[in-house]
C-alpha atoms as a PDB file:
ATOM      1  CA  MET A   1      37.471 -24.751 -29.116  1.00  0.00           C
ATOM      2  CA  ALA A   2      39.782 -25.402 -26.194  1.00  0.00           C
ATOM      3  CA  ALA A   3      38.316 -25.270 -22.711  1.00  0.00           C
ATOM      4  CA  ALA A   4      39.612 -23.074 -19.917  1.00  0.00           C
ATOM      5  CA  ALA A   5      43.010 -24.366 -18.809  1.00  0.00           C
ATOM      6  CA  ASP A   6      45.377 -23.855 -15.913  1.00  0.00           C
ATOM      7  CA  ASN A   7      48.402 -23.220 -18.113  1.00  0.00           C
ATOM      8  CA  VAL A   8      47.627 -19.660 -19.286  1.00  0.00           C
ATOM      9  CA  TYR A   9      47.814 -16.726 -16.852  1.00  0.00           C
ATOM     10  CA  LEU A  10      47.374 -13.014 -17.458  1.00  0.00           C
ATOM     11  CA  ILE A  11      48.033 -10.910 -14.346  1.00  0.00           C
ATOM     12  CA  THR A  12      47.116  -7.273 -14.791  1.00  0.00           C
ATOM     13  CA  GLY A  13      45.338  -4.266 -13.294  1.00  0.00           C
ATOM     14  CA  ASP A  14      46.546  -0.898 -12.011  1.00  0.00           C
ATOM     15  CA  ASP A  15      48.514  -2.018  -8.937  1.00  0.00           C
ATOM     16  CA  GLU A  16      51.975  -2.684 -10.360  1.00  0.00           C
ATOM     17  CA  PRO A  17      53.712  -3.807  -7.139  1.00  0.00           C
ATOM     18  CA  VAL A  18      51.012  -6.394  -6.449  1.00  0.00           C
ATOM     19  CA  ILE A  19      51.025  -7.518 -10.099  1.00  0.00           C
ATOM     20  CA  LYS A  20      54.780  -8.100  -9.977  1.00  0.00           C
ATOM     21  CA  SER A  21      54.632  -9.857  -6.627  1.00  0.00           C
ATOM     22  CA  HIS A  22      51.791 -12.137  -7.758  1.00  0.00           C
ATOM     23  CA  ALA A  23      53.590 -13.039 -10.998  1.00  0.00           C
ATOM     24  CA  GLU A  24      56.909 -13.753  -9.289  1.00  0.00           C
ATOM     25  CA  LYS A  25      55.209 -15.963  -6.707  1.00  0.00           C
ATOM     26  CA  LEU A  26      53.349 -17.872  -9.443  1.00  0.00           C
ATOM     27  CA  VAL A  27      56.500 -18.435 -11.501  1.00  0.00           C
ATOM     28  CA  ARG A  28      58.339 -19.728  -8.416  1.00  0.00           C
ATOM     29  CA  GLN A  29      55.493 -22.180  -7.852  1.00  0.00           C
ATOM     30  CA  LEU A  30      55.629 -23.317 -11.460  1.00  0.00           C
ATOM     31  CA  ALA A  31      59.376 -23.410 -12.105  1.00  0.00           C
ATOM     32  CA  GLY A  32      60.943 -23.549  -8.641  1.00  0.00           C
ATOM     33  CA  ASP A  33      63.334 -21.198  -6.871  1.00  0.00           C
ATOM     34  CA  ASN A  34      66.275 -22.193  -9.081  1.00  0.00           C
ATOM     35  CA  PRO A  35      64.657 -23.144 -12.391  1.00  0.00           C
ATOM     36  CA  ASP A  36      66.415 -25.017 -15.136  1.00  0.00           C
ATOM     37  CA  PRO A  37      67.162 -22.446 -17.884  1.00  0.00           C
ATOM     38  CA  PHE A  38      65.694 -24.871 -20.411  1.00  0.00           C
ATOM     39  CA  ALA A  39      62.439 -25.059 -18.431  1.00  0.00           C
ATOM     40  CA  LEU A  40      61.897 -21.296 -17.959  1.00  0.00           C
ATOM     41  CA  ASP A  41      62.015 -18.876 -20.882  1.00  0.00           C
ATOM     42  CA  VAL A  42      61.706 -15.215 -19.807  1.00  0.00           C
ATOM     43  CA  PHE A  43      60.865 -12.389 -22.209  1.00  0.00           C
ATOM     44  CA  ARG A  44      61.334  -8.747 -21.275  1.00  0.00           C
ATOM     45  CA  GLU A  45      60.945  -5.459 -23.077  1.00  0.00           C
ATOM     46  CA  GLN A  46      64.205  -4.173 -24.532  1.00  0.00           C
ATOM     47  CA  ASP A  47      65.277  -0.897 -26.072  1.00  0.00           C
ATOM     48  CA  GLY A  48      65.061  -1.126 -29.817  1.00  0.00           C
ATOM     49  CA  LEU A  49      62.845  -4.242 -29.816  1.00  0.00           C
ATOM     50  CA  ALA A  50      59.333  -3.614 -31.117  1.00  0.00           C
ATOM     51  CA  VAL A  51      56.379  -5.036 -29.223  1.00  0.00           C
ATOM     52  CA  ALA A  52      55.375  -7.069 -32.270  1.00  0.00           C
ATOM     53  CA  ASP A  53      58.826  -8.654 -32.489  1.00  0.00           C
ATOM     54  CA  LEU A  54      58.853  -9.450 -28.763  1.00  0.00           C
ATOM     55  CA  LEU A  55      55.443 -11.130 -28.973  1.00  0.00           C
ATOM     56  CA  ARG A  56      56.481 -13.204 -31.972  1.00  0.00           C
ATOM     57  CA  GLN A  57      59.593 -14.392 -30.128  1.00  0.00           C
ATOM     58  CA  LEU A  58      57.272 -15.330 -27.257  1.00  0.00           C
ATOM     59  CA  MET A  59      54.985 -17.289 -29.591  1.00  0.00           C
ATOM     60  CA  LEU A  60      57.955 -19.087 -31.150  1.00  0.00           C
ATOM     61  CA  SER A  61      59.000 -20.235 -27.679  1.00  0.00           C
ATOM     62  CA  LEU A  62      55.446 -21.424 -26.954  1.00  0.00           C
ATOM     63  CA  LYS A  63      55.612 -23.611 -30.033  1.00  0.00           C
ATOM     64  CA  SER A  64      58.956 -25.139 -29.012  1.00  0.00           C
ATOM     65  CA  PRO A  65      58.952 -27.869 -26.328  1.00  0.00           C
ATOM     66  CA  SER A  66      61.442 -27.921 -23.486  1.00  0.00           C
ATOM     67  CA  PHE A  67      64.892 -29.017 -24.692  1.00  0.00           C
ATOM     68  CA  LEU A  68      65.126 -31.743 -22.037  1.00  0.00           C
ATOM     69  CA  GLY A  69      61.430 -32.592 -21.946  1.00  0.00           C
ATOM     70  CA  GLY A  70      59.010 -31.951 -19.100  1.00  0.00           C
ATOM     71  CA  ARG A  71      57.080 -28.795 -18.335  1.00  0.00           C
ATOM     72  CA  LYS A  72      58.214 -25.501 -19.799  1.00  0.00           C
ATOM     73  CA  THR A  73      57.167 -22.083 -18.463  1.00  0.00           C
ATOM     74  CA  VAL A  74      57.215 -19.070 -20.776  1.00  0.00           C
ATOM     75  CA  TRP A  75      57.036 -15.750 -18.948  1.00  0.00           C
ATOM     76  CA  LEU A  76      56.287 -12.337 -20.456  1.00  0.00           C
ATOM     77  CA  GLN A  77      57.757 -10.495 -17.482  1.00  0.00           C
ATOM     78  CA  HIS A  78      56.532  -7.110 -16.188  1.00  0.00           C
ATOM     79  CA  PHE A  79      55.306  -6.140 -19.649  1.00  0.00           C
ATOM     80  CA  GLY A  80      54.311  -2.514 -20.192  1.00  0.00           C
ATOM     81  CA  GLY A  81      53.074  -2.747 -23.751  1.00  0.00           C
ATOM     82  CA  PHE A  82      49.507  -3.981 -23.365  1.00  0.00           C
ATOM     83  CA  GLY A  83      48.281  -0.526 -24.329  1.00  0.00           C
ATOM     84  CA  SER A  84      49.473  -1.096 -27.915  1.00  0.00           C
ATOM     85  CA  GLU A  85      47.019  -3.946 -28.504  1.00  0.00           C
ATOM     86  CA  GLY A  86      44.815  -1.658 -30.564  1.00  0.00           C
ATOM     87  CA  THR A  87      41.373  -2.417 -31.947  1.00  0.00           C
ATOM     88  CA  ALA A  88      40.190  -5.683 -33.410  1.00  0.00           C
ATOM     89  CA  SER A  89      40.448  -4.266 -36.933  1.00  0.00           C
ATOM     90  CA  SER A  90      43.761  -2.440 -36.524  1.00  0.00           C
ATOM     91  CA  LYS A  91      46.408  -3.199 -39.125  1.00  0.00           C
ATOM     92  CA  ALA A  92      49.291  -1.970 -36.965  1.00  0.00           C
ATOM     93  CA  PRO A  93      52.078  -4.554 -36.474  1.00  0.00           C
ATOM     94  CA  ASP A  94      51.614  -4.619 -32.689  1.00  0.00           C
ATOM     95  CA  ALA A  95      47.860  -5.164 -32.967  1.00  0.00           C
ATOM     96  CA  LYS A  96      48.367  -8.020 -35.428  1.00  0.00           C
ATOM     97  CA  ALA A  97      50.870  -9.687 -33.085  1.00  0.00           C
ATOM     98  CA  PHE A  98      48.415  -9.438 -30.170  1.00  0.00           C
ATOM     99  CA  ARG A  99      45.700 -11.083 -32.300  1.00  0.00           C
ATOM    100  CA  GLU A 100      48.067 -13.898 -33.266  1.00  0.00           C
ATOM    101  CA  LEU A 101      48.883 -14.500 -29.602  1.00  0.00           C
ATOM    102  CA  ALA A 102      45.185 -14.566 -28.699  1.00  0.00           C
ATOM    103  CA  GLU A 103      44.532 -17.080 -31.506  1.00  0.00           C
ATOM    104  CA  LEU A 104      47.361 -19.298 -30.239  1.00  0.00           C
ATOM    105  CA  ILE A 105      45.914 -19.245 -26.715  1.00  0.00           C
ATOM    106  CA  GLU A 106      42.418 -19.960 -28.014  1.00  0.00           C
ATOM    107  CA  THR A 107      43.708 -22.941 -30.013  1.00  0.00           C
ATOM    108  CA  GLY A 108      45.203 -24.318 -26.805  1.00  0.00           C
ATOM    109  CA  LEU A 109      48.743 -24.781 -25.577  1.00  0.00           C
ATOM    110  CA  PRO A 110      50.220 -28.243 -24.999  1.00  0.00           C
ATOM    111  CA  PRO A 111      49.591 -29.491 -21.449  1.00  0.00           C
ATOM    112  CA  ASP A 112      53.306 -29.319 -20.620  1.00  0.00           C
ATOM    113  CA  MET A 113      53.543 -25.656 -21.709  1.00  0.00           C
ATOM    114  CA  VAL A 114      52.653 -22.778 -19.322  1.00  0.00           C
ATOM    115  CA  LEU A 115      52.304 -19.133 -20.328  1.00  0.00           C
ATOM    116  CA  VAL A 116      52.519 -16.385 -17.707  1.00  0.00           C
ATOM    117  CA  MET A 117      52.056 -12.733 -18.700  1.00  0.00           C
ATOM    118  CA  ASP A 118      52.090  -9.856 -16.249  1.00  0.00           C
ATOM    119  CA  GLY A 119      51.957  -6.098 -16.539  1.00  0.00           C
ATOM    120  CA  PRO A 120      49.639  -3.156 -15.907  1.00  0.00           C
ATOM    121  CA  LYS A 121      46.541  -2.044 -17.733  1.00  0.00           C
ATOM    122  CA  ALA A 122      45.706  -4.861 -20.103  1.00  0.00           C
ATOM    123  CA  ASP A 123      42.275  -3.820 -21.363  1.00  0.00           C
ATOM    124  CA  GLY A 124      39.672  -6.309 -20.195  1.00  0.00           C
ATOM    125  CA  LYS A 125      37.425  -5.380 -23.133  1.00  0.00           C
ATOM    126  CA  LYS A 126      39.994  -6.338 -25.738  1.00  0.00           C
ATOM    127  CA  LEU A 127      40.732  -9.678 -27.332  1.00  0.00           C
ATOM    128  CA  LEU A 128      43.789 -10.830 -25.374  1.00  0.00           C
ATOM    129  CA  ALA A 129      42.247 -10.375 -21.915  1.00  0.00           C
ATOM    130  CA  LYS A 130      38.939 -11.892 -23.044  1.00  0.00           C
ATOM    131  CA  THR A 131      40.762 -14.897 -24.511  1.00  0.00           C
ATOM    132  CA  CYS A 132      42.829 -15.415 -21.371  1.00  0.00           C
ATOM    133  CA  LYS A 133      39.695 -15.225 -19.247  1.00  0.00           C
ATOM    134  CA  ALA A 134      37.903 -17.774 -21.427  1.00  0.00           C
ATOM    135  CA  HIS A 135      40.826 -20.164 -21.968  1.00  0.00           C
ATOM    136  CA  GLY A 136      43.019 -19.597 -18.930  1.00  0.00           C
ATOM    137  CA  LYS A 137      43.087 -17.385 -15.852  1.00  0.00           C
ATOM    138  CA  LEU A 138      42.760 -13.617 -15.773  1.00  0.00           C
ATOM    139  CA  VAL A 139      44.009 -12.200 -12.453  1.00  0.00           C
ATOM    140  CA  LEU A 140      43.109  -8.563 -11.723  1.00  0.00           C
ATOM    141  CA  CYS A 141      45.176  -6.632  -9.177  1.00  0.00           C
ATOM    142  CA  GLU A 142      43.427  -3.346  -8.527  1.00  0.00           C
ATOM    143  CA  LYS A 143      44.780  -0.667  -6.228  1.00  0.00           C
ATOM    144  CA  PRO A 144      42.385   0.070  -3.339  1.00  0.00           C
ATOM    145  CA  ASN A 145      40.304   3.186  -3.983  1.00  0.00           C
ATOM    146  CA  VAL A 146      39.905   5.618  -1.079  1.00  0.00           C
ATOM    147  CA  ARG A 147      36.371   6.324  -2.343  1.00  0.00           C
ATOM    148  CA  ASP A 148      35.480   2.745  -1.501  1.00  0.00           C
ATOM    149  CA  ARG A 149      34.239   2.484   2.061  1.00  0.00           C
ATOM    150  CA  ASN A 150      36.102  -0.823   2.436  1.00  0.00           C
ATOM    151  CA  TRP A 151      39.493   0.385   1.210  1.00  0.00           C
ATOM    152  CA  GLN A 152      41.065   0.176   4.654  1.00  0.00           C
ATOM    153  CA  ALA A 153      39.932  -3.434   5.130  1.00  0.00           C
ATOM    154  CA  THR A 154      41.281  -4.269   1.656  1.00  0.00           C
ATOM    155  CA  MET A 155      44.650  -2.722   2.481  1.00  0.00           C
ATOM    156  CA  ALA A 156      44.759  -4.466   5.873  1.00  0.00           C
ATOM    157  CA  ASP A 157      44.197  -7.802   4.102  1.00  0.00           C
ATOM    158  CA  LEU A 158      47.067  -7.057   1.706  1.00  0.00           C
ATOM    159  CA  VAL A 159      49.351  -6.186   4.623  1.00  0.00           C
ATOM    160  CA  ALA A 160      48.424  -9.373   6.501  1.00  0.00           C
ATOM    161  CA  THR A 161      48.868 -11.512   3.371  1.00  0.00           C
ATOM    162  CA  GLN A 162      52.316 -10.136   2.577  1.00  0.00           C
ATOM    163  CA  ALA A 163      53.342 -10.500   6.218  1.00  0.00           C
ATOM    164  CA  ALA A 164      52.203 -14.136   6.227  1.00  0.00           C
ATOM    165  CA  ALA A 165      54.289 -14.744   3.088  1.00  0.00           C
ATOM    166  CA  LYS A 166      57.299 -13.592   5.127  1.00  0.00           C
ATOM    167  CA  GLY A 167      56.375 -15.953   7.952  1.00  0.00           C
ATOM    168  CA  VAL A 168      55.045 -13.223  10.235  1.00  0.00           C
ATOM    169  CA  SER A 169      51.605 -13.106  11.839  1.00  0.00           C
ATOM    170  CA  LEU A 170      50.464  -9.538  12.444  1.00  0.00           C
ATOM    171  CA  PRO A 171      47.801  -8.582  15.008  1.00  0.00           C
ATOM    172  CA  ASN A 172      44.889  -6.700  13.487  1.00  0.00           C
ATOM    173  CA  GLU A 173      45.813  -3.471  15.281  1.00  0.00           C
ATOM    174  CA  VAL A 174      49.271  -3.557  13.695  1.00  0.00           C
ATOM    175  CA  CYS A 175      47.732  -4.024  10.235  1.00  0.00           C
ATOM    176  CA  GLN A 176      45.442  -1.064  10.885  1.00  0.00           C
ATOM    177  CA  HIS A 177      48.363   1.084  11.999  1.00  0.00           C
ATOM    178  CA  LEU A 178      50.299   0.260   8.836  1.00  0.00           C
ATOM    179  CA  VAL A 179      47.267   1.162   6.728  1.00  0.00           C
ATOM    180  CA  GLY A 180      47.182   4.509   8.486  1.00  0.00           C
ATOM    181  CA  VAL A 181      50.869   4.995   7.697  1.00  0.00           C
ATOM    182  CA  ILE A 182      50.913   4.014   4.010  1.00  0.00           C
ATOM    183  CA  GLY A 183      47.363   4.727   2.868  1.00  0.00           C
ATOM    184  CA  THR A 184      46.842   3.015  -0.497  1.00  0.00           C
ATOM    185  CA  ASP A 185      50.542   2.867  -1.379  1.00  0.00           C
ATOM    186  CA  THR A 186      50.818  -0.895  -1.856  1.00  0.00           C
ATOM    187  CA  ALA A 187      54.439  -0.501  -2.980  1.00  0.00           C
ATOM    188  CA  ALA A 188      55.331   0.593   0.570  1.00  0.00           C
ATOM    189  CA  ILE A 189      53.974  -2.530   2.274  1.00  0.00           C
ATOM    190  CA  ASP A 190      57.113  -4.613   1.763  1.00  0.00           C
ATOM    191  CA  SER A 191      59.528  -1.977   3.076  1.00  0.00           C
ATOM    192  CA  GLU A 192      57.402  -1.295   6.165  1.00  0.00           C
ATOM    193  CA  LEU A 193      57.174  -5.009   6.929  1.00  0.00           C
ATOM    194  CA  GLU A 194      60.934  -5.418   6.527  1.00  0.00           C
ATOM    195  CA  LYS A 195      61.513  -2.568   8.992  1.00  0.00           C
ATOM    196  CA  LEU A 196      59.175  -4.209  11.501  1.00  0.00           C
ATOM    197  CA  ILE A 197      60.740  -7.645  11.116  1.00  0.00           C
ATOM    198  CA  CYS A 198      64.268  -6.289  11.592  1.00  0.00           C
ATOM    199  CA  TYR A 199      63.190  -4.161  14.544  1.00  0.00           C
ATOM    200  CA  CYS A 200      61.367  -6.964  16.378  1.00  0.00           C
ATOM    201  CA  GLY A 201      63.787  -9.771  15.545  1.00  0.00           C
ATOM    202  CA  ASP A 202      62.536 -13.035  17.074  1.00  0.00           C
ATOM    203  CA  GLN A 203      59.949 -11.247  19.238  1.00  0.00           C
ATOM    204  CA  PRO A 204      56.262 -10.984  18.294  1.00  0.00           C
ATOM    205  CA  VAL A 205      55.330  -7.842  16.380  1.00  0.00           C
ATOM    206  CA  THR A 206      53.366  -5.462  18.609  1.00  0.00           C
ATOM    207  CA  LEU A 207      51.489  -2.222  18.063  1.00  0.00           C
ATOM    208  CA  ALA A 208      54.031  -0.393  20.228  1.00  0.00           C
ATOM    209  CA  ALA A 209      56.844  -1.578  17.970  1.00  0.00           C
ATOM    210  CA  ALA A 210      54.908  -0.556  14.857  1.00  0.00           C
ATOM    211  CA  GLU A 211      54.266   2.897  16.291  1.00  0.00           C
ATOM    212  CA  ASP A 212      57.971   3.268  17.099  1.00  0.00           C
ATOM    213  CA  ILE A 213      59.354   2.256  13.723  1.00  0.00           C
ATOM    214  CA  CYS A 214      56.590   2.894  11.145  1.00  0.00           C
ATOM    215  CA  VAL A 215      55.607   6.539  10.789  1.00  0.00           C
ATOM    216  CA  GLY A 216      53.589   8.367   8.150  1.00  0.00           C
ATOM    217  CA  HIS A 217      55.187   9.273   4.824  1.00  0.00           C
ATOM    218  CA  GLY A 218      53.396  12.602   4.605  1.00  0.00           C
ATOM    219  CA  GLU A 219      51.184  11.307   1.805  1.00  0.00           C
ATOM    220  CA  GLU A 220      47.821  12.991   1.614  1.00  0.00           C
ATOM    221  CA  ILE A 221      44.535  12.530  -0.108  1.00  0.00           C
ATOM    222  CA  SER A 222      43.114  15.584  -1.771  1.00  0.00           C
ATOM    223  CA  TRP A 223      40.404  16.270   0.801  1.00  0.00           C
ATOM    224  CA  ALA A 224      43.035  16.632   3.513  1.00  0.00           C
ATOM    225  CA  LEU A 225      43.498  20.134   2.061  1.00  0.00           C
ATOM    226  CA  THR A 226      39.926  21.107   2.849  1.00  0.00           C
ATOM    227  CA  ASP A 227      40.366  19.756   6.372  1.00  0.00           C
ATOM    228  CA  ALA A 228      43.282  22.160   6.835  1.00  0.00           C
ATOM    229  CA  LEU A 229      41.279  25.033   5.370  1.00  0.00           C
ATOM    230  CA  GLY A 230      38.422  24.182   7.711  1.00  0.00           C
ATOM    231  CA  ASP A 231      40.819  24.278  10.660  1.00  0.00           C
ATOM    232  CA  ARG A 232      42.088  27.713   9.491  1.00  0.00           C
ATOM    233  CA  ASN A 233      45.587  26.199   9.485  1.00  0.00           C
ATOM    234  CA  ALA A 234      47.465  28.013   6.718  1.00  0.00           C
ATOM    235  CA  ALA A 235      50.793  26.278   7.362  1.00  0.00           C
ATOM    236  CA  GLU A 236      49.214  22.821   7.151  1.00  0.00           C
ATOM    237  CA  ALA A 237      47.268  23.766   4.020  1.00  0.00           C
ATOM    238  CA  LEU A 238      50.459  24.912   2.281  1.00  0.00           C
ATOM    239  CA  ARG A 239      52.278  21.753   3.374  1.00  0.00           C
ATOM    240  CA  ILE A 240      49.518  19.572   1.929  1.00  0.00           C
ATOM    241  CA  VAL A 241      49.543  21.524  -1.351  1.00  0.00           C
ATOM    242  CA  SER A 242      53.293  20.904  -1.597  1.00  0.00           C
ATOM    243  CA  VAL A 243      52.861  17.166  -0.929  1.00  0.00           C
ATOM    244  CA  LEU A 244      50.017  16.801  -3.429  1.00  0.00           C
ATOM    245  CA  LEU A 245      52.031  18.540  -6.135  1.00  0.00           C
ATOM    246  CA  ARG A 246      55.009  16.254  -5.475  1.00  0.00           C
ATOM    247  CA  GLN A 247      52.721  13.239  -5.800  1.00  0.00           C
ATOM    248  CA  ALA A 248      51.486  14.536  -9.176  1.00  0.00           C
ATOM    249  CA  GLU A 249      54.867  14.430 -10.922  1.00  0.00           C
ATOM    250  CA  THR A 250      53.372  13.153 -14.176  1.00  0.00           C
ATOM    251  CA  ASP A 251      50.991  16.104 -14.639  1.00  0.00           C
ATOM    252  CA  PRO A 252      51.656  18.954 -12.178  1.00  0.00           C
ATOM    253  CA  GLU A 253      49.742  21.458 -14.319  1.00  0.00           C
ATOM    254  CA  GLN A 254      46.541  19.441 -14.121  1.00  0.00           C
ATOM    255  CA  ALA A 255      47.083  18.905 -10.387  1.00  0.00           C
ATOM    256  CA  SER A 256      47.484  22.665  -9.898  1.00  0.00           C
ATOM    257  CA  ARG A 257      44.226  23.345 -11.716  1.00  0.00           C
ATOM    258  CA  GLY A 258      42.516  20.717  -9.602  1.00  0.00           C
ATOM    259  CA  LEU A 259      43.769  22.279  -6.368  1.00  0.00           C
ATOM    260  CA  LEU A 260      42.626  25.732  -7.459  1.00  0.00           C
ATOM    261  CA  TRP A 261      39.196  24.340  -8.257  1.00  0.00           C
ATOM    262  CA  GLN A 262      39.082  22.561  -4.905  1.00  0.00           C
ATOM    263  CA  VAL A 263      39.921  25.699  -2.912  1.00  0.00           C
ATOM    264  CA  ALA A 264      37.398  27.765  -4.872  1.00  0.00           C
ATOM    265  CA  ASN A 265      34.762  25.090  -4.368  1.00  0.00           C
ATOM    266  CA  PHE A 266      35.542  25.020  -0.645  1.00  0.00           C
ATOM    267  CA  TYR A 267      34.785  28.705  -0.214  1.00  0.00           C
ATOM    268  CA  ARG A 268      31.729  28.526  -2.486  1.00  0.00           C
ATOM    269  CA  HIS A 269      30.345  25.655  -0.439  1.00  0.00           C
ATOM    270  CA  LEU A 270      31.078  27.494   2.802  1.00  0.00           C
ATOM    271  CA  LEU A 271      29.240  30.613   1.657  1.00  0.00           C
ATOM    272  CA  GLN A 272      26.269  28.482   0.649  1.00  0.00           C
ATOM    273  CA  GLN A 273      26.269  26.868   4.081  1.00  0.00           C
ATOM    274  CA  CYS A 274      26.196  30.081   6.053  1.00  0.00           C
ATOM    275  CA  PRO A 275      23.485  32.439   4.765  1.00  0.00           C
ATOM    276  CA  GLY A 276      22.695  34.847   7.594  1.00  0.00           C
ATOM    277  CA  GLY A 277      24.883  32.842   9.968  1.00  0.00           C
ATOM    278  CA  GLN A 278      22.758  29.671   9.608  1.00  0.00           C
ATOM    279  CA  VAL A 279      24.835  26.512   9.225  1.00  0.00           C
ATOM    280  CA  ARG A 280      23.570  23.608   7.172  1.00  0.00           C
ATOM    281  CA  PRO A 281      26.205  20.890   7.409  1.00  0.00           C
ATOM    282  CA  ARG A 282      26.549  18.700   4.349  1.00  0.00           C
ATOM    283  CA  GLN A 283      26.666  14.947   4.562  1.00  0.00           C
ATOM    284  CA  SER A 284      30.345  14.084   4.786  1.00  0.00           C
ATOM    285  CA  THR A 285      31.760  11.259   2.702  1.00  0.00           C
ATOM    286  CA  GLN A 286      33.332   8.071   3.988  1.00  0.00           C
ATOM    287  CA  ARG A 287      35.532   8.849   6.969  1.00  0.00           C
ATOM    288  CA  ARG A 288      37.520   6.751   9.285  1.00  0.00           C
ATOM    289  CA  ALA A 289      36.325   6.323  12.851  1.00  0.00           C
ATOM    290  CA  GLY A 290      38.780   7.149  15.620  1.00  0.00           C
ATOM    291  CA  LYS A 291      41.790   9.390  15.522  1.00  0.00           C
ATOM    292  CA  PRO A 292      43.484   9.952  12.168  1.00  0.00           C
ATOM    293  CA  VAL A 293      46.811   8.278  11.510  1.00  0.00           C
ATOM    294  CA  GLY A 294      49.431   9.508   9.051  1.00  0.00           C
ATOM    295  CA  GLY A 295      47.161  12.147   7.494  1.00  0.00           C
ATOM    296  CA  TRP A 296      44.462   9.744   6.249  1.00  0.00           C
ATOM    297  CA  THR A 297      41.284  11.427   7.530  1.00  0.00           C
ATOM    298  CA  GLY A 298      37.806  12.203   6.249  1.00  0.00           C
ATOM    299  CA  GLY A 299      36.830  15.440   4.461  1.00  0.00           C
ATOM    300  CA  ARG A 300      35.219  17.810   6.955  1.00  0.00           C
ATOM    301  CA  GLY A 301      36.671  21.223   6.053  1.00  0.00           C
ATOM    302  CA  PRO A 302      33.661  23.435   5.297  1.00  0.00           C
ATOM    303  CA  GLU A 303      31.707  22.184   8.300  1.00  0.00           C
ATOM    304  CA  ARG A 304      34.610  22.992  10.641  1.00  0.00           C
ATOM    305  CA  LEU A 305      34.939  26.545   9.430  1.00  0.00           C
ATOM    306  CA  ALA A 306      31.194  27.070   9.155  1.00  0.00           C
ATOM    307  CA  ARG A 307      30.757  26.134  12.818  1.00  0.00           C
ATOM    308  CA  SER A 308      33.493  28.512  13.993  1.00  0.00           C
ATOM    309  CA  ASP A 309      32.993  32.018  15.342  1.00  0.00           C
ATOM    310  CA  PRO A 310      32.167  34.209  12.308  1.00  0.00           C
ATOM    311  CA  GLY A 311      34.611  36.798  13.604  1.00  0.00           C
ATOM    312  CA  GLN A 312      37.462  34.297  13.396  1.00  0.00           C
ATOM    313  CA  ARG A 313      36.888  32.934   9.913  1.00  0.00           C
ATOM    314  CA  GLY A 314      39.162  35.363   8.161  1.00  0.00           C
ATOM    315  CA  ASN A 315      41.921  35.435  10.741  1.00  0.00           C
ATOM    316  CA  ALA A 316      44.112  32.560   9.575  1.00  0.00           C
ATOM    317  CA  LEU A 317      43.343  32.181   5.852  1.00  0.00           C
ATOM    318  CA  PRO A 318      42.485  34.876   3.297  1.00  0.00           C
ATOM    319  CA  TRP A 319      38.970  34.915   1.918  1.00  0.00           C
ATOM    320  CA  PRO A 320      38.361  35.502  -1.779  1.00  0.00           C
ATOM    321  CA  GLY A 321      38.809  39.135  -2.607  1.00  0.00           C
ATOM    322  CA  THR A 322      40.459  40.053   0.699  1.00  0.00           C
ATOM    323  CA  GLY A 323      44.112  39.559  -0.319  1.00  0.00           C
END
């Protein structure tokens, strides 16, 4: 059995912009900025080409040395078909092709042959990812989760890393401001950095410059809605609902049901908090210290409304059953 090698790479996860960026950087390191077409063989998904056929073309290239000798890099570029790998016993053509590729990797590629595969959502429990981890390098690019108390630090690191790749050193306060602007939208990092670089020119990037040129996109996390309800701010609540529905383009019906449940749960929780006018604040979840930036705040809605004057609670937003 071949040992782990440095000529097989699988770059995957749920953060597509970072996956693509990582793969492109790796291929430039391996093949150069202007690679010889005989030394870099790129495979992409095409209309009308089955996944099984694409993978077999890939394997044929892996078995063919570079035309002019030397190292050859074979790249399965921005592949979206990892979900068709199937089970270990599946007889589907795609599943069989994935097993053949895993067997080829396990057998071991020639030392002058490099395989790079990138794309989202390769299942780490299935054969291909396991084989790449055991006999090559499995690189996971996961999108920061706002439920993780360290998500802001993770995003700030990504901002600083991408800025450094552009030759720019960002002060920590600028990184934090950008995190406040883009939230967990890693795809927006590059465009925000480009705006800053163009705006500052040859001058150092400052917080003042970032505040001038980089403003929030209006993206919201779901608990921003309960913050608006807690503030009795109907206009803001409706704005946030509109933004959240736009963000849920793939399944607006499910998002609508989720928002209805959230609003109902808000009022239920509020009524439970205030029996006889007594307020029992819940323990709030992770929240950011300091003033909110770009709408990324902690969930505090029921406590805000529960602490308000009981005579004011129905003034701005309708209560259940009151119209």
